C-alpha atoms as a PDB file:
ATOM      1  CA  MET A   1       0.000   0.000   0.000  1.00  0.00           C
ATOM      2  CA  LEU A   2       2.786   2.427   0.897  1.00  0.00           C
ATOM      3  CA  PRO A   3       4.590   2.040  -2.469  1.00  0.00           C
ATOM      4  CA  MET A   4       1.340   2.821  -4.285  1.00  0.00           C
ATOM      5  CA  LEU A   5       0.780   5.874  -2.091  1.00  0.00           C
ATOM      6  CA  ILE A   6       4.312   7.109  -2.782  1.00  0.00           C
ATOM      7  CA  ALA A   7       3.873   6.572  -6.530  1.00  0.00           C
ATOM      8  CA  PHE A   8       0.562   8.423  -6.498  1.00  0.00           C
ATOM      9  CA  ALA A   9       2.113  11.299  -4.542  1.00  0.00           C
ATOM     10  CA  ALA A  10       5.006  11.512  -7.010  1.00  0.00           C
ATOM     11  CA  ALA A  11       2.664  11.546 -10.018  1.00  0.00           C
ATOM     12  CA  PHE A  12       0.501  14.252  -8.508  1.00  0.00           C
ATOM     13  CA  GLY A  13       3.636  16.146  -7.487  1.00  0.00           C
ATOM     14  CA  LEU A  14       4.715  16.240 -11.142  1.00  0.00           C
ATOM     15  CA  LEU A  15       1.449  17.964 -12.060  1.00  0.00           C
ATOM     16  CA  ILE A  16       1.725  20.403  -9.174  1.00  0.00           C
ATOM     17  CA  GLY A  17       5.345  21.111 -10.129  1.00  0.00           C
ATOM     18  CA  SER A  18       4.196  22.194 -13.573  1.00  0.00           C
ATOM     19  CA  PHE A  19       1.811  24.675 -11.957  1.00  0.00           C
ATOM     20  CA  LEU A  20       4.512  25.911  -9.579  1.00  0.00           C
ATOM     21  CA  ASN A  21       6.639  26.821 -12.598  1.00  0.00           C
ATOM     22  CA  VAL A  22       3.785  29.076 -13.675  1.00  0.00           C
ATOM     23  CA  VAL A  23       3.522  30.592 -10.191  1.00  0.00           C
ATOM     24  CA  ALA A  24       7.254  31.328 -10.022  1.00  0.00           C
ATOM     25  CA  TYR A  25       7.183  32.956 -13.465  1.00  0.00           C
ATOM     26  CA  ARG A  26       3.939  34.925 -13.315  1.00  0.00           C
ATOM     27  CA  LEU A  27       3.587  35.990  -9.686  1.00  0.00           C
ATOM     28  CA  PRO A  28       6.599  38.361  -9.649  1.00  0.00           C
ATOM     29  CA  ALA A  29       5.363  39.822 -12.949  1.00  0.00           C
ATOM     30  CA  GLY A  30       1.976  40.596 -11.431  1.00  0.00           C
ATOM     31  CA  THR A  31       0.045  38.444 -13.908  1.00  0.00           C
ATOM     32  CA  SER A  32      -2.645  35.903 -13.097  1.00  0.00           C
ATOM     33  CA  VAL A  33      -1.438  32.423 -12.255  1.00  0.00           C
ATOM     34  CA  ALA A  34      -4.851  30.959 -13.051  1.00  0.00           C
ATOM     35  CA  ALA A  35      -5.925  32.641 -16.285  1.00  0.00           C
ATOM     36  CA  GLY A  36      -4.282  32.248 -19.659  1.00  0.00           C
ATOM     37  CA  ARG A  37      -2.523  29.372 -21.391  1.00  0.00           C
ATOM     38  CA  SER A  38       1.219  28.843 -21.133  1.00  0.00           C
ATOM     39  CA  GLU A  39       3.191  30.078 -24.130  1.00  0.00           C
ATOM     40  CA  CYS A  40       6.696  29.991 -25.489  1.00  0.00           C
ATOM     41  CA  PRO A  41       8.545  33.096 -24.247  1.00  0.00           C
ATOM     42  CA  SER A  42      10.363  33.371 -27.603  1.00  0.00           C
ATOM     43  CA  CYS A  43       7.653  32.983 -30.270  1.00  0.00           C
ATOM     44  CA  HIS A  44       4.603  33.363 -27.956  1.00  0.00           C
ATOM     45  CA  HIS A  45       2.815  30.358 -29.450  1.00  0.00           C
ATOM     46  CA  GLN A  46       0.522  28.688 -26.945  1.00  0.00           C
ATOM     47  CA  ILE A  47       1.908  25.421 -25.680  1.00  0.00           C
ATOM     48  CA  ARG A  48      -0.221  22.491 -26.807  1.00  0.00           C
ATOM     49  CA  ALA A  49      -1.674  20.204 -24.154  1.00  0.00           C
ATOM     50  CA  TYR A  50       0.363  17.228 -25.397  1.00  0.00           C
ATOM     51  CA  ASP A  51       3.517  19.354 -25.179  1.00  0.00           C
ATOM     52  CA  ASN A  52       2.778  20.260 -21.584  1.00  0.00           C
ATOM     53  CA  VAL A  53       3.162  16.839 -19.951  1.00  0.00           C
ATOM     54  CA  PRO A  54       5.549  17.289 -17.014  1.00  0.00           C
ATOM     55  CA  VAL A  55       9.154  16.240 -17.721  1.00  0.00           C
ATOM     56  CA  LEU A  56       8.168  13.850 -20.554  1.00  0.00           C
ATOM     57  CA  SER A  57       7.273  16.593 -23.045  1.00  0.00           C
ATOM     58  CA  TRP A  58      10.553  18.405 -22.416  1.00  0.00           C
ATOM     59  CA  LEU A  59      12.466  15.180 -23.044  1.00  0.00           C
ATOM     60  CA  LEU A  60      10.536  14.337 -26.229  1.00  0.00           C
ATOM     61  CA  LEU A  61      11.011  17.864 -27.568  1.00  0.00           C
ATOM     62  CA  ARG A  62      14.699  17.693 -26.602  1.00  0.00           C
ATOM     63  CA  GLY A  63      14.328  20.879 -24.624  1.00  0.00           C
ATOM     64  CA  ARG A  64      13.130  23.017 -27.534  1.00  0.00           C
ATOM     65  CA  CYS A  65       9.907  24.741 -28.589  1.00  0.00           C
ATOM     66  CA  ARG A  66       7.973  22.772 -31.208  1.00  0.00           C
ATOM     67  CA  ASP A  67       7.199  25.946 -33.176  1.00  0.00           C
ATOM     68  CA  CYS A  68      10.383  28.029 -33.138  1.00  0.00           C
ATOM     69  CA  ALA A  69      12.969  25.537 -31.822  1.00  0.00           C
ATOM     70  CA  ALA A  70      14.062  28.022 -29.162  1.00  0.00           C
ATOM     71  CA  PRO A  71      15.639  26.293 -26.159  1.00  0.00           C
ATOM     72  CA  ILE A  72      13.408  25.650 -23.152  1.00  0.00           C
ATOM     73  CA  SER A  73      15.157  26.018 -19.831  1.00  0.00           C
ATOM     74  CA  ARG A  74      16.091  22.835 -17.968  1.00  0.00           C
ATOM     75  CA  ARG A  75      14.648  24.501 -14.910  1.00  0.00           C
ATOM     76  CA  TYR A  76      11.093  23.575 -15.897  1.00  0.00           C
ATOM     77  CA  PRO A  77      11.472  19.771 -15.846  1.00  0.00           C
ATOM     78  CA  LEU A  78      13.836  20.049 -12.888  1.00  0.00           C
ATOM     79  CA  VAL A  79      11.230  21.897 -10.821  1.00  0.00           C
ATOM     80  CA  GLU A  80       8.602  19.325 -11.799  1.00  0.00           C
ATOM     81  CA  ALA A  81      10.892  16.447 -10.842  1.00  0.00           C
ATOM     82  CA  VAL A  82      11.937  18.033  -7.542  1.00  0.00           C
ATOM     83  CA  THR A  83       8.309  18.670  -6.608  1.00  0.00           C
ATOM     84  CA  ALA A  84       7.486  15.035  -7.384  1.00  0.00           C
ATOM     85  CA  VAL A  85      10.367  13.863  -5.182  1.00  0.00           C
ATOM     86  CA  LEU A  86       9.275  16.136  -2.326  1.00  0.00           C
ATOM     87  CA  TRP A  87       5.676  14.907  -2.474  1.00  0.00           C
ATOM     88  CA  ALA A  88       6.871  11.295  -2.566  1.00  0.00           C
ATOM     89  CA  LEU A  89       9.184  11.995   0.369  1.00  0.00           C
ATOM     90  CA  VAL A  90       6.336  13.369   2.455  1.00  0.00           C
ATOM     91  CA  ALA A  91       4.189  10.345   1.629  1.00  0.00           C
ATOM     92  CA  ALA A  92       7.020   8.006   2.605  1.00  0.00           C
ATOM     93  CA  ILE A  93       7.842   9.512   5.998  1.00  0.00           C
ATOM     94  CA  ALA A  94       4.532  10.876   7.292  1.00  0.00           C
ATOM     95  CA  ASP A  95       3.279   9.143  10.442  1.00  0.00           C
ATOM     96  CA  SER A  96      -0.203  10.647  10.327  1.00  0.00           C
ATOM     97  CA  THR A  97      -2.651  12.343   8.009  1.00  0.00           C
ATOM     98  CA  ALA A  98      -1.969  15.690   9.659  1.00  0.00           C
ATOM     99  CA  GLN A  99       1.784  15.364   9.204  1.00  0.00           C
ATOM    100  CA  ALA A 100       1.295  14.323   5.568  1.00  0.00           C
ATOM    101  CA  VAL A 101      -0.994  17.234   4.691  1.00  0.00           C
ATOM    102  CA  LEU A 102       1.108  19.786   6.580  1.00  0.00           C
ATOM    103  CA  GLY A 103       4.211  18.429   4.873  1.00  0.00           C
ATOM    104  CA  ILE A 104       2.592  18.708   1.436  1.00  0.00           C
ATOM    105  CA  VAL A 105       1.467  22.269   2.180  1.00  0.00           C
ATOM    106  CA  MET A 106       4.983  23.206   3.263  1.00  0.00           C
ATOM    107  CA  VAL A 107       7.022  21.668   0.447  1.00  0.00           C
ATOM    108  CA  THR A 108       4.575  22.927  -2.186  1.00  0.00           C
ATOM    109  CA  ALA A 109       5.043  26.491  -0.946  1.00  0.00           C
ATOM    110  CA  LEU A 110       8.827  26.142  -0.619  1.00  0.00           C
ATOM    111  CA  VAL A 111       9.345  25.412  -4.321  1.00  0.00           C
ATOM    112  CA  PRO A 112       8.072  28.734  -5.764  1.00  0.00           C
ATOM    113  CA  ILE A 113       9.413  30.634  -2.742  1.00  0.00           C
ATOM    114  CA  THR A 114      12.905  29.318  -3.477  1.00  0.00           C
ATOM    115  CA  LEU A 115      12.677  30.134  -7.187  1.00  0.00           C
ATOM    116  CA  ILE A 116      11.308  33.641  -6.671  1.00  0.00           C
ATOM    117  CA  ASP A 117      13.823  34.474  -3.946  1.00  0.00           C
ATOM    118  CA  LEU A 118      16.684  33.302  -6.166  1.00  0.00           C
ATOM    119  CA  ASP A 119      15.391  35.312  -9.135  1.00  0.00           C
ATOM    120  CA  HIS A 120      14.061  38.443  -7.457  1.00  0.00           C
ATOM    121  CA  ARG A 121      15.449  38.487  -3.900  1.00  0.00           C
ATOM    122  CA  ARG A 122      12.016  38.583  -2.300  1.00  0.00           C
ATOM    123  CA  ILE A 123       9.473  36.204  -0.802  1.00  0.00           C
ATOM    124  CA  PRO A 124       5.910  37.189  -1.749  1.00  0.00           C
ATOM    125  CA  ASN A 125       3.214  37.549   0.890  1.00  0.00           C
ATOM    126  CA  ALA A 126       0.920  36.056  -1.748  1.00  0.00           C
ATOM    127  CA  ILE A 127       2.538  32.701  -0.968  1.00  0.00           C
ATOM    128  CA  THR A 128       3.458  32.901   2.718  1.00  0.00           C
ATOM    129  CA  LEU A 129       0.089  34.250   3.918  1.00  0.00           C
ATOM    130  CA  PRO A 130      -2.109  31.574   2.265  1.00  0.00           C
ATOM    131  CA  THR A 131       0.360  28.913   3.373  1.00  0.00           C
ATOM    132  CA  ALA A 132       0.173  30.123   6.981  1.00  0.00           C
ATOM    133  CA  ILE A 133      -3.644  30.114   6.846  1.00  0.00           C
ATOM    134  CA  ALA A 134      -3.685  26.637   5.301  1.00  0.00           C
ATOM    135  CA  ALA A 135      -1.252  25.312   7.926  1.00  0.00           C
ATOM    136  CA  ILE A 136      -3.364  26.658  10.792  1.00  0.00           C
ATOM    137  CA  ALA A 137      -6.579  25.297   9.251  1.00  0.00           C
ATOM    138  CA  VAL A 138      -5.095  21.860   8.571  1.00  0.00           C
ATOM    139  CA  GLY A 139      -3.447  21.608  11.980  1.00  0.00           C
ATOM    140  CA  THR A 140      -6.619  22.627  13.801  1.00  0.00           C
ATOM    141  CA  ALA A 141      -8.803  20.239  11.810  1.00  0.00           C
ATOM    142  CA  LEU A 142      -6.562  17.166  11.722  1.00  0.00           C
ATOM    143  CA  ASP A 143      -4.405  17.445  14.847  1.00  0.00           C
ATOM    144  CA  PRO A 144      -5.949  19.866  17.356  1.00  0.00           C
ATOM    145  CA  SER A 145      -3.924  18.455  20.242  1.00  0.00           C
ATOM    146  CA  GLY A 146      -0.674  19.477  18.570  1.00  0.00           C
ATOM    147  CA  GLN A 147      -1.832  22.868  17.354  1.00  0.00           C
ATOM    148  CA  VAL A 148      -0.657  24.823  20.390  1.00  0.00           C
ATOM    149  CA  GLU A 149       2.884  23.502  19.909  1.00  0.00           C
ATOM    150  CA  ARG A 150       2.852  24.498  16.231  1.00  0.00           C
ATOM    151  CA  LEU A 151       1.511  27.972  17.004  1.00  0.00           C
ATOM    152  CA  ILE A 152       4.228  28.476  19.618  1.00  0.00           C
ATOM    153  CA  ALA A 153       6.867  27.155  17.207  1.00  0.00           C
ATOM    154  CA  GLY A 154       5.663  29.502  14.477  1.00  0.00           C
ATOM    155  CA  ALA A 155       5.721  32.503  16.810  1.00  0.00           C
ATOM    156  CA  ALA A 156       9.154  31.564  18.192  1.00  0.00           C
ATOM    157  CA  ALA A 157      10.669  31.069  14.732  1.00  0.00           C
ATOM    158  CA  PHE A 158       9.191  34.382  13.586  1.00  0.00           C
ATOM    159  CA  ALA A 159      10.554  36.198  16.641  1.00  0.00           C
ATOM    160  CA  PHE A 160      13.981  34.543  16.358  1.00  0.00           C
ATOM    161  CA  LEU A 161      14.601  35.967  12.879  1.00  0.00           C
ATOM    162  CA  LEU A 162      12.756  39.218  13.558  1.00  0.00           C
ATOM    163  CA  VAL A 163      15.594  40.459  15.769  1.00  0.00           C
ATOM    164  CA  PRO A 164      18.338  40.283  13.102  1.00  0.00           C
ATOM    165  CA  ALA A 165      15.874  41.636  10.524  1.00  0.00           C
ATOM    166  CA  ILE A 166      15.385  44.738  12.688  1.00  0.00           C
ATOM    167  CA  VAL A 167      19.062  45.120  13.548  1.00  0.00           C
ATOM    168  CA  ARG A 168      20.349  44.429  10.024  1.00  0.00           C
ATOM    169  CA  PRO A 169      17.502  44.932   7.544  1.00  0.00           C
ATOM    170  CA  ASP A 170      20.020  44.806   4.698  1.00  0.00           C
ATOM    171  CA  GLY A 171      20.979  41.272   5.724  1.00  0.00           C
ATOM    172  CA  MET A 172      17.652  39.696   6.689  1.00  0.00           C
ATOM    173  CA  GLY A 173      14.347  40.555   5.048  1.00  0.00           C
ATOM    174  CA  MET A 174      10.861  40.367   6.507  1.00  0.00           C
ATOM    175  CA  GLY A 175      10.034  37.754   3.897  1.00  0.00           C
ATOM    176  CA  ASP A 176      12.547  35.453   5.575  1.00  0.00           C
ATOM    177  CA  VAL A 177      11.017  36.198   8.978  1.00  0.00           C
ATOM    178  CA  LYS A 178       7.531  35.337   7.744  1.00  0.00           C
ATOM    179  CA  LEU A 179       8.795  32.172   6.062  1.00  0.00           C
ATOM    180  CA  ALA A 180      10.363  31.028   9.344  1.00  0.00           C
ATOM    181  CA  GLY A 181       6.991  31.508  11.031  1.00  0.00           C
ATOM    182  CA  VAL A 182       5.279  29.459   8.326  1.00  0.00           C
ATOM    183  CA  LEU A 183       7.814  26.659   8.790  1.00  0.00           C
ATOM    184  CA  GLY A 184       7.021  26.619  12.490  1.00  0.00           C
ATOM    185  CA  LEU A 185       3.293  26.359  11.793  1.00  0.00           C
ATOM    186  CA  CYS A 186       3.926  23.353   9.550  1.00  0.00           C
ATOM    187  CA  LEU A 187       6.673  21.602  11.505  1.00  0.00           C
ATOM    188  CA  GLY A 188       6.179  22.420  15.173  1.00  0.00           C
ATOM    189  CA  ALA A 189       9.240  22.010  17.393  1.00  0.00           C
ATOM    190  CA  PRO A 190      11.469  20.565  14.596  1.00  0.00           C
ATOM    191  CA  VAL A 191      11.521  24.054  13.056  1.00  0.00           C
ATOM    192  CA  ALA A 192      14.451  24.700  15.421  1.00  0.00           C
ATOM    193  CA  VAL A 193      16.462  22.131  13.476  1.00  0.00           C
ATOM    194  CA  GLY A 194      15.404  23.735  10.212  1.00  0.00           C
ATOM    195  CA  ILE A 195      16.552  27.199  11.248  1.00  0.00           C
ATOM    196  CA  LEU A 196      19.829  25.800  12.567  1.00  0.00           C
ATOM    197  CA  VAL A 197      20.486  24.045   9.262  1.00  0.00           C
ATOM    198  CA  ALA A 198      19.649  27.219   7.343  1.00  0.00           C
ATOM    199  CA  LEU A 199      22.014  29.306   9.452  1.00  0.00           C
ATOM    200  CA  VAL A 200      24.870  26.794   9.205  1.00  0.00           C
ATOM    201  CA  VAL A 201      24.553  26.262   5.454  1.00  0.00           C
ATOM    202  CA  GLY A 202      24.109  29.991   4.870  1.00  0.00           C
ATOM    203  CA  SER A 203      27.220  30.722   6.928  1.00  0.00           C
ATOM    204  CA  VAL A 204      29.233  28.168   4.961  1.00  0.00           C
ATOM    205  CA  ALA A 205      28.043  29.697   1.703  1.00  0.00           C
ATOM    206  CA  GLY A 206      29.003  33.150   2.974  1.00  0.00           C
ATOM    207  CA  ALA A 207      32.448  31.881   3.930  1.00  0.00           C
ATOM    208  CA  VAL A 208      32.948  30.405   0.465  1.00  0.00           C
ATOM    209  CA  ILE A 209      31.968  33.698  -1.152  1.00  0.00           C
ATOM    210  CA  ALA A 210      34.313  35.589   1.181  1.00  0.00           C
ATOM    211  CA  ALA A 211      37.146  33.236   0.249  1.00  0.00           C
ATOM    212  CA  ARG A 212      36.539  33.873  -3.443  1.00  0.00           C
ATOM    213  CA  LYS A 213      35.728  37.578  -3.452  1.00  0.00           C
ATOM    214  CA  GLY A 214      37.276  38.789  -0.226  1.00  0.00           C
ATOM    215  CA  VAL A 215      35.426  40.164   2.775  1.00  0.00           C
ATOM    216  CA  ALA A 216      34.575  43.451   1.043  1.00  0.00           C
ATOM    217  CA  GLY A 217      33.256  41.645  -2.013  1.00  0.00           C
ATOM    218  CA  ALA A 218      31.226  39.264   0.114  1.00  0.00           C
ATOM    219  CA  ARG A 219      29.569  42.185   1.924  1.00  0.00           C
ATOM    220  CA  ARG A 220      28.471  43.582  -1.438  1.00  0.00           C
ATOM    221  CA  THR A 221      27.050  40.243  -2.532  1.00  0.00           C
ATOM    222  CA  THR A 222      23.347  39.736  -1.908  1.00  0.00           C
ATOM    223  CA  ILE A 223      22.548  36.211  -0.782  1.00  0.00           C
ATOM    224  CA  PRO A 224      18.883  35.197  -0.583  1.00  0.00           C
ATOM    225  CA  PHE A 225      18.193  33.384   2.677  1.00  0.00           C
ATOM    226  CA  GLY A 226      14.882  31.856   1.586  1.00  0.00           C
ATOM    227  CA  PRO A 227      16.487  28.875  -0.205  1.00  0.00           C
ATOM    228  CA  TYR A 228      18.482  28.041   2.935  1.00  0.00           C
ATOM    229  CA  LEU A 229      15.319  28.156   5.027  1.00  0.00           C
ATOM    230  CA  ALA A 230      13.641  25.921   2.447  1.00  0.00           C
ATOM    231  CA  LEU A 231      16.488  23.420   2.698  1.00  0.00           C
ATOM    232  CA  GLY A 232      16.314  23.584   6.477  1.00  0.00           C
ATOM    233  CA  GLY A 233      12.576  23.012   6.363  1.00  0.00           C
ATOM    234  CA  VAL A 234      12.980  19.833   4.303  1.00  0.00           C
ATOM    235  CA  VAL A 235      15.765  18.545   6.577  1.00  0.00           C
ATOM    236  CA  ALA A 236      13.605  19.252   9.631  1.00  0.00           C
ATOM    237  CA  LEU A 237      10.671  17.477   8.007  1.00  0.00           C
ATOM    238  CA  VAL A 238      12.760  14.355   7.452  1.00  0.00           C
ATOM    239  CA  ALA A 239      15.020  14.292  10.514  1.00  0.00           C
ATOM    240  CA  GLY A 240      13.987  17.124  12.829  1.00  0.00           C
ATOM    241  CA  GLN A 241      12.072  15.153  15.438  1.00  0.00           C
ATOM    242  CA  PRO A 242      14.577  12.248  15.612  1.00  0.00           C
ATOM    243  CA  LEU A 243      17.393  14.755  16.103  1.00  0.00           C
ATOM    244  CA  ILE A 244      15.490  16.522  18.870  1.00  0.00           C
ATOM    245  CA  ASP A 245      14.710  13.201  20.566  1.00  0.00           C
ATOM    246  CA  ALA A 246      18.358  12.152  20.371  1.00  0.00           C
ATOM    247  CA  TYR A 247      19.481  15.466  21.822  1.00  0.00           C
ATOM    248  CA  VAL A 248      17.001  15.254  24.710  1.00  0.00           C
ATOM    249  CA  LYS A 249      18.083  11.673  25.535  1.00  0.00           C
ATOM    250  CA  THR A 250      21.748  12.681  25.475  1.00  0.00           C
ATOM    251  CA  PHE A 251      21.391  15.722  27.711  1.00  0.00           C
END
């Protein structure tokens, strides 16, 4: 039964990944993510339904538009595949319906958030706010006994990053602060592991940039923190609670 559930989650994740590509492209441009057919950005021909099958169509077309032969970015099938893997991962590790749905809500939001933050250095409220509302609704409906913990975790994660955002607004944006709160609402206590992972990986990345460009060059380099929080969120989803349990048993 579990293998079938994982396969179903992966297949549905492929479809959702295709939509998330649209969200990441259209939302920053201020265009509707629901209305209008997808089109080739080079020749503006509408993409046919049979050319819009996640991953498979890109492979069959060899990464080029059917009409003008312009190259189609590898990012599109990659995003679809990553979303499928994330959905399958949630299905494989979830211990309850609430954890599964909250995990799906979280990883689905993290994909476009990561793409938009990498491209535009911002995390839209249009994603974080609905995700926060969905997380609260799902948690209250499916796991009311654990909702207080998740609300506290969301508030604590928000407050933890709010301080550096106030002290150094050029280094930490409010979008990152809100995203941390959303992670807490989805993960509960394991969000602490997620933030720790994000800070460690972000620090390592900063050190690498400093080694290449020098300290002055590194200070002038803008590094989006959203992708590190997204990575931390996935790590916390997979291993956050076991790590917390191991730490508590040790100390």
